[in-house]
């Protein structure tokens, strides 16, 4: 099972869009695929579940509820005087998986209250909880993990749980400045917690091939030895329609130029290592 995290601590670089579209292509190509949404904003959850996201929160079947169950679990003496007993199934990650409208594509949705329990999770040393839970799942071919735009408990949990990492990069000076910090943070995780985590490369997003400045930024990063992937994702208004209709590009418009770019990226990362 391939576990891929899409991470950049800078917001607005396309993490969610890339996560969901690559996962959709994976499913369309016959792989049983799971998306885990760790961003409290829940954009990936809305993208893939649409109106059913609210129902998932009402049923208490989100990644928040999974982490909350790990905090509220029974103590070593078999009882807990302060919280209701937690059903063993609620500690199993499969309890929180939802089928999307597309064959072979599932999602574990996020929840806005993730931020409320972050300190408890840190204090109770739950940083390996997601990795351990994924180790107990063998029914999926691919897992894609969407992360919040921050280096926090959830993004670190994802980096520890994953085997591969993609770094979205928006072609501007601010993204360029941030990319080095991202590399350092990933290196720290590799050294301290996950020696097997491999950086597949940097995904150039919102690329404008006729504009001089983006090309100069990309070429300078390549010259410095950063792992810039060959595939480029163009800036296109059609992605707004994709978000609005909750249809990843491979299902919205398989022949669109942006769809072809996502497919090229998918093939590149599937053969890069």
Protein backbone atom coordinates (compact mmCIF):
# COMPACT_ATOMS: atom_id res chain seq x y z
CA UNK A 1 0.00 0.00 0.00
CA UNK A 2 1.41 3.38 -1.04
CA UNK A 3 0.87 6.16 1.51
CA UNK A 4 1.37 9.60 0.04
CA UNK A 5 1.22 12.88 1.97
CA UNK A 6 0.79 16.22 0.19
CA UNK A 7 2.46 18.80 2.40
CA UNK A 8 3.47 22.44 2.42
CA UNK A 9 3.13 24.69 5.45
CA UNK A 10 2.18 27.58 3.14
CA UNK A 11 -1.52 27.93 2.33
CA UNK A 12 -3.00 28.44 -1.11
CA UNK A 13 -0.55 26.25 -3.00
CA UNK A 14 -3.09 23.63 -4.10
CA UNK A 15 -2.60 20.81 -1.58
CA UNK A 16 -6.26 19.80 -1.49
CA UNK A 17 -6.81 20.08 -5.24
CA UNK A 18 -3.74 17.98 -5.97
CA UNK A 19 -4.61 15.41 -3.30
CA UNK A 20 -8.16 14.85 -4.49
CA UNK A 21 -7.39 14.85 -8.20
CA UNK A 22 -4.50 12.40 -7.91
CA UNK A 23 -6.62 10.16 -5.70
CA UNK A 24 -9.47 10.30 -8.21
CA UNK A 25 -7.12 9.29 -11.03
CA UNK A 26 -5.80 6.45 -8.88
CA UNK A 27 -9.35 5.19 -8.35
CA UNK A 28 -10.26 5.64 -12.01
CA UNK A 29 -7.27 3.48 -12.95
CA UNK A 30 -8.55 0.63 -10.83
CA UNK A 31 -6.82 1.14 -7.49
CA UNK A 32 -8.78 1.05 -4.27
CA UNK A 33 -7.95 4.51 -2.94
CA UNK A 34 -8.43 6.28 0.38
CA UNK A 35 -8.17 10.02 1.09
CA UNK A 36 -7.58 11.17 4.67
CA UNK A 37 -8.44 14.81 5.33
CA UNK A 38 -6.41 16.22 8.24
CA UNK A 39 -7.15 19.88 7.55
CA UNK A 40 -9.79 21.37 9.91
CA UNK A 41 -11.08 23.44 6.99
CA UNK A 42 -12.41 20.20 5.48
CA UNK A 43 -12.02 21.25 1.85
CA UNK A 44 -11.07 17.75 0.69
CA UNK A 45 -14.06 16.35 2.57
CA UNK A 46 -16.41 18.80 0.86
CA UNK A 47 -14.77 18.16 -2.51
CA UNK A 48 -15.27 14.39 -2.34
CA UNK A 49 -18.38 14.01 -0.17
CA UNK A 50 -20.28 17.21 -1.03
CA UNK A 51 -23.55 17.28 0.99
CA UNK A 52 -22.72 14.05 2.81
CA UNK A 53 -19.91 15.73 4.74
CA UNK A 54 -22.40 17.20 7.21
CA UNK A 55 -23.95 13.77 7.73
CA UNK A 56 -20.51 12.30 8.46
CA UNK A 57 -20.00 14.91 11.20
CA UNK A 58 -23.45 14.20 12.65
CA UNK A 59 -22.69 10.46 12.72
CA UNK A 60 -19.38 11.18 14.49
CA UNK A 61 -17.42 9.34 11.83
CA UNK A 62 -14.60 11.75 11.04
CA UNK A 63 -10.85 11.79 11.66
CA UNK A 64 -11.59 14.01 14.66
CA UNK A 65 -13.70 11.26 16.19
CA UNK A 66 -10.93 8.73 15.56
CA UNK A 67 -8.38 10.86 17.41
CA UNK A 68 -10.89 11.73 20.14
CA UNK A 69 -11.52 8.03 20.77
CA UNK A 70 -7.79 7.54 21.26
CA UNK A 71 -7.84 10.20 23.99
CA UNK A 72 -10.99 8.95 25.70
CA UNK A 73 -10.08 5.25 25.67
CA UNK A 74 -10.41 3.07 28.76
CA UNK A 75 -7.54 2.96 31.23
CA UNK A 76 -5.26 0.07 32.15
CA UNK A 77 -7.72 -1.19 34.79
CA UNK A 78 -10.47 -1.69 32.25
CA UNK A 79 -12.65 1.23 33.25
CA UNK A 80 -12.68 4.98 32.96
CA UNK A 81 -14.57 6.96 35.62
CA UNK A 82 -14.64 10.19 33.63
CA UNK A 83 -15.67 9.15 30.11
CA UNK A 84 -18.05 6.59 28.63
CA UNK A 85 -16.47 3.30 27.64
CA UNK A 86 -15.20 3.47 24.05
CA UNK A 87 -16.30 0.71 21.74
CA UNK A 88 -13.25 -1.13 20.40
CA UNK A 89 -14.46 -0.63 16.81
CA UNK A 90 -14.18 3.14 17.27
CA UNK A 91 -10.41 2.77 17.61
CA UNK A 92 -10.28 1.06 14.22
CA UNK A 93 -9.67 3.50 11.36
CA UNK A 94 -12.04 1.60 9.05
CA UNK A 95 -14.93 2.72 11.29
CA UNK A 96 -14.55 6.25 9.87
CA UNK A 97 -14.26 5.50 6.14
CA UNK A 98 -16.96 6.81 3.77
CA UNK A 99 -17.61 5.77 0.18
CA UNK A 100 -17.66 8.67 -2.29
CA UNK A 101 -19.87 8.87 -5.37
CA UNK A 102 -17.03 7.32 -7.38
CA UNK A 103 -16.02 3.68 -7.62
CA UNK A 104 -12.96 2.64 -5.61
CA UNK A 105 -12.64 6.07 -3.95
CA UNK A 106 -13.16 6.48 -0.19
CA UNK A 107 -12.51 9.30 2.28
CA UNK A 108 -12.05 9.80 6.01
CA UNK A 109 -13.44 13.32 6.46
CA UNK A 110 -12.07 16.11 8.61
CA UNK A 111 -13.83 18.16 11.28
CA UNK A 112 -13.46 21.83 12.32
CA UNK A 113 -12.90 20.80 15.95
CA UNK A 114 -9.60 19.08 15.20
CA UNK A 115 -7.80 22.17 16.49
CA UNK A 116 -9.59 21.86 19.84
CA UNK A 117 -7.97 18.54 20.73
CA UNK A 118 -4.52 19.09 19.25
CA UNK A 119 -2.85 19.92 22.58
CA UNK A 120 -4.38 16.86 24.22
CA UNK A 121 -3.05 14.65 21.43
CA UNK A 122 0.41 16.17 21.80
CA UNK A 123 0.40 15.78 25.59
CA UNK A 124 -0.71 12.16 25.33
CA UNK A 125 1.99 11.38 22.74
CA UNK A 126 -0.42 10.32 19.99
CA UNK A 127 1.88 11.40 17.15
CA UNK A 128 2.22 7.78 15.90
CA UNK A 129 -1.49 6.99 16.18
CA UNK A 130 -2.28 7.51 12.48
CA UNK A 131 0.73 5.47 11.35
CA UNK A 132 -0.19 2.59 13.64
CA UNK A 133 -3.82 2.68 12.51
CA UNK A 134 -2.81 2.59 8.84
CA UNK A 135 -0.53 -0.35 9.58
CA UNK A 136 -3.71 -2.22 10.51
CA UNK A 137 -5.34 -1.62 7.12
CA UNK A 138 -4.45 -3.79 4.13
CA UNK A 139 -7.50 -3.39 1.91
CA UNK A 140 -6.37 -0.23 0.06
CA UNK A 141 -3.85 0.10 -2.76
CA UNK A 142 -3.20 3.82 -2.25
CA UNK A 143 -3.69 6.36 0.54
CA UNK A 144 -3.52 10.13 -0.02
CA UNK A 145 -3.27 12.40 3.02
CA UNK A 146 -4.26 16.07 2.83
CA UNK A 147 -2.62 18.27 5.47
CA UNK A 148 -3.28 21.68 7.02
CA UNK A 149 -1.06 24.63 5.96
CA UNK A 150 1.08 24.40 9.09
CA UNK A 151 3.71 22.24 10.73
CA UNK A 152 1.54 20.98 13.57
CA UNK A 153 0.49 17.70 15.17
CA UNK A 154 -1.63 16.68 12.18
CA UNK A 155 0.88 17.41 9.43
CA UNK A 156 3.63 15.73 11.45
CA UNK A 157 1.36 12.70 12.01
CA UNK A 158 0.85 12.50 8.25
CA UNK A 159 4.58 12.75 7.50
CA UNK A 160 5.27 9.99 10.02
CA UNK A 161 2.51 7.77 8.60
CA UNK A 162 3.44 8.24 4.93
CA UNK A 163 5.98 6.53 2.71
CA UNK A 164 6.05 9.26 0.05
CA UNK A 165 5.73 13.05 0.09
CA UNK A 166 4.71 15.55 -2.57
CA UNK A 167 5.36 19.26 -2.06
CA UNK A 168 3.04 21.64 -3.97
CA UNK A 169 4.72 24.85 -5.06
CA UNK A 170 3.03 28.02 -6.28
CA UNK A 171 5.23 30.09 -8.56
CA UNK A 172 5.84 33.19 -6.48
CA UNK A 173 8.57 34.65 -4.30
CA UNK A 174 6.78 33.80 -1.04
CA UNK A 175 6.50 30.14 -2.01
CA UNK A 176 10.15 30.10 -2.97
CA UNK A 177 11.19 31.43 0.43
CA UNK A 178 9.02 28.86 2.23
CA UNK A 179 10.18 25.82 0.26
CA UNK A 180 13.51 25.61 2.07
CA UNK A 181 11.83 25.54 5.48
CA UNK A 182 9.53 22.79 4.22
CA UNK A 183 12.55 20.74 3.17
CA UNK A 184 14.13 21.20 6.60
CA UNK A 185 10.98 20.12 8.43
CA UNK A 186 10.64 17.01 6.26
CA UNK A 187 14.31 16.23 6.87
CA UNK A 188 13.76 16.43 10.62
CA UNK A 189 10.87 13.96 10.37
CA UNK A 190 13.00 11.62 8.24
CA UNK A 191 15.88 11.72 10.72
CA UNK A 192 13.84 11.44 13.92
CA UNK A 193 10.67 9.50 13.14
CA UNK A 194 10.36 8.10 9.61
CA UNK A 195 13.54 6.99 7.87
CA UNK A 196 11.47 5.48 5.04
CA UNK A 197 9.78 8.74 4.01
CA UNK A 198 10.82 9.61 0.45
CA UNK A 199 10.32 13.02 -1.15
CA UNK A 200 8.93 12.34 -4.62
CA UNK A 201 9.37 15.92 -5.69
CA UNK A 202 8.02 19.44 -5.87
CA UNK A 203 4.84 19.97 -7.90
CA UNK A 204 4.78 23.27 -9.79
CA UNK A 205 1.20 24.52 -9.57
CA UNK A 206 -0.56 27.53 -11.11
CA UNK A 207 2.14 27.56 -13.79
CA UNK A 208 1.94 30.18 -16.55
CA UNK A 209 4.34 29.09 -19.31
CA UNK A 210 4.25 32.42 -21.13
CA UNK A 211 5.12 34.45 -18.05
CA UNK A 212 8.83 35.08 -17.54
CA UNK A 213 8.96 35.29 -13.74
CA UNK A 214 7.49 31.82 -12.94
CA UNK A 215 9.88 30.21 -15.41
CA UNK A 216 12.84 31.98 -13.83
CA UNK A 217 11.83 30.83 -10.34
CA UNK A 218 11.42 27.20 -11.44
CA UNK A 219 14.71 27.18 -13.32
CA UNK A 220 16.58 28.70 -10.38
CA UNK A 221 15.22 26.04 -8.02
CA UNK A 222 16.21 23.30 -10.46
CA UNK A 223 19.69 24.82 -10.74
CA UNK A 224 20.01 24.64 -6.95
CA UNK A 225 19.29 20.92 -7.08
CA UNK A 226 15.74 20.88 -5.73
CA UNK A 227 13.66 17.91 -6.98
CA UNK A 228 11.31 19.77 -9.32
CA UNK A 229 8.99 17.35 -11.11
CA UNK A 230 8.66 17.66 -14.88
CA UNK A 231 4.86 17.83 -14.83
CA UNK A 232 3.30 21.30 -14.56
CA UNK A 233 -0.23 22.20 -13.46
CA UNK A 234 -1.69 25.18 -15.26
CA UNK A 235 -3.79 27.94 -13.83
CA UNK A 236 -7.38 27.39 -14.98
CA UNK A 237 -10.83 28.64 -13.96
CA UNK A 238 -12.24 25.17 -14.62
CA UNK A 239 -10.90 24.02 -11.28
CA UNK A 240 -13.48 26.27 -9.60
CA UNK A 241 -16.22 24.36 -11.39
CA UNK A 242 -14.56 21.13 -10.27
CA UNK A 243 -14.67 22.29 -6.65
CA UNK A 244 -18.23 23.63 -6.91
CA UNK A 245 -19.65 20.44 -8.43
CA UNK A 246 -17.55 18.14 -6.23
CA UNK A 247 -16.20 16.43 -9.32
CA UNK A 248 -12.43 15.89 -9.64
CA UNK A 249 -11.20 16.76 -13.11
CA UNK A 250 -10.94 13.16 -14.34
CA UNK A 251 -14.71 12.87 -13.84
CA UNK A 252 -15.71 16.44 -14.73
CA UNK A 253 -13.85 16.72 -18.03
CA UNK A 254 -11.48 13.86 -18.89
CA UNK A 255 -10.24 15.61 -22.05
CA UNK A 256 -9.44 18.99 -20.51
CA UNK A 257 -5.84 20.21 -20.61
CA UNK A 258 -5.67 20.41 -16.81
CA UNK A 259 -6.94 16.83 -16.53
CA UNK A 260 -4.15 15.72 -18.85
CA UNK A 261 -1.66 17.53 -16.66
CA UNK A 262 -2.93 15.77 -13.54
CA UNK A 263 -2.72 12.43 -15.35
CA UNK A 264 0.87 13.21 -16.43
CA UNK A 265 1.75 14.07 -12.84
CA UNK A 266 0.16 10.85 -11.63
CA UNK A 267 2.20 8.75 -14.07
CA UNK A 268 5.38 10.64 -13.21
CA UNK A 269 5.13 10.04 -9.46
CA UNK A 270 4.10 6.43 -9.93
CA UNK A 271 7.42 5.79 -11.72
CA UNK A 272 9.72 8.31 -9.99
CA UNK A 273 11.04 5.95 -7.29
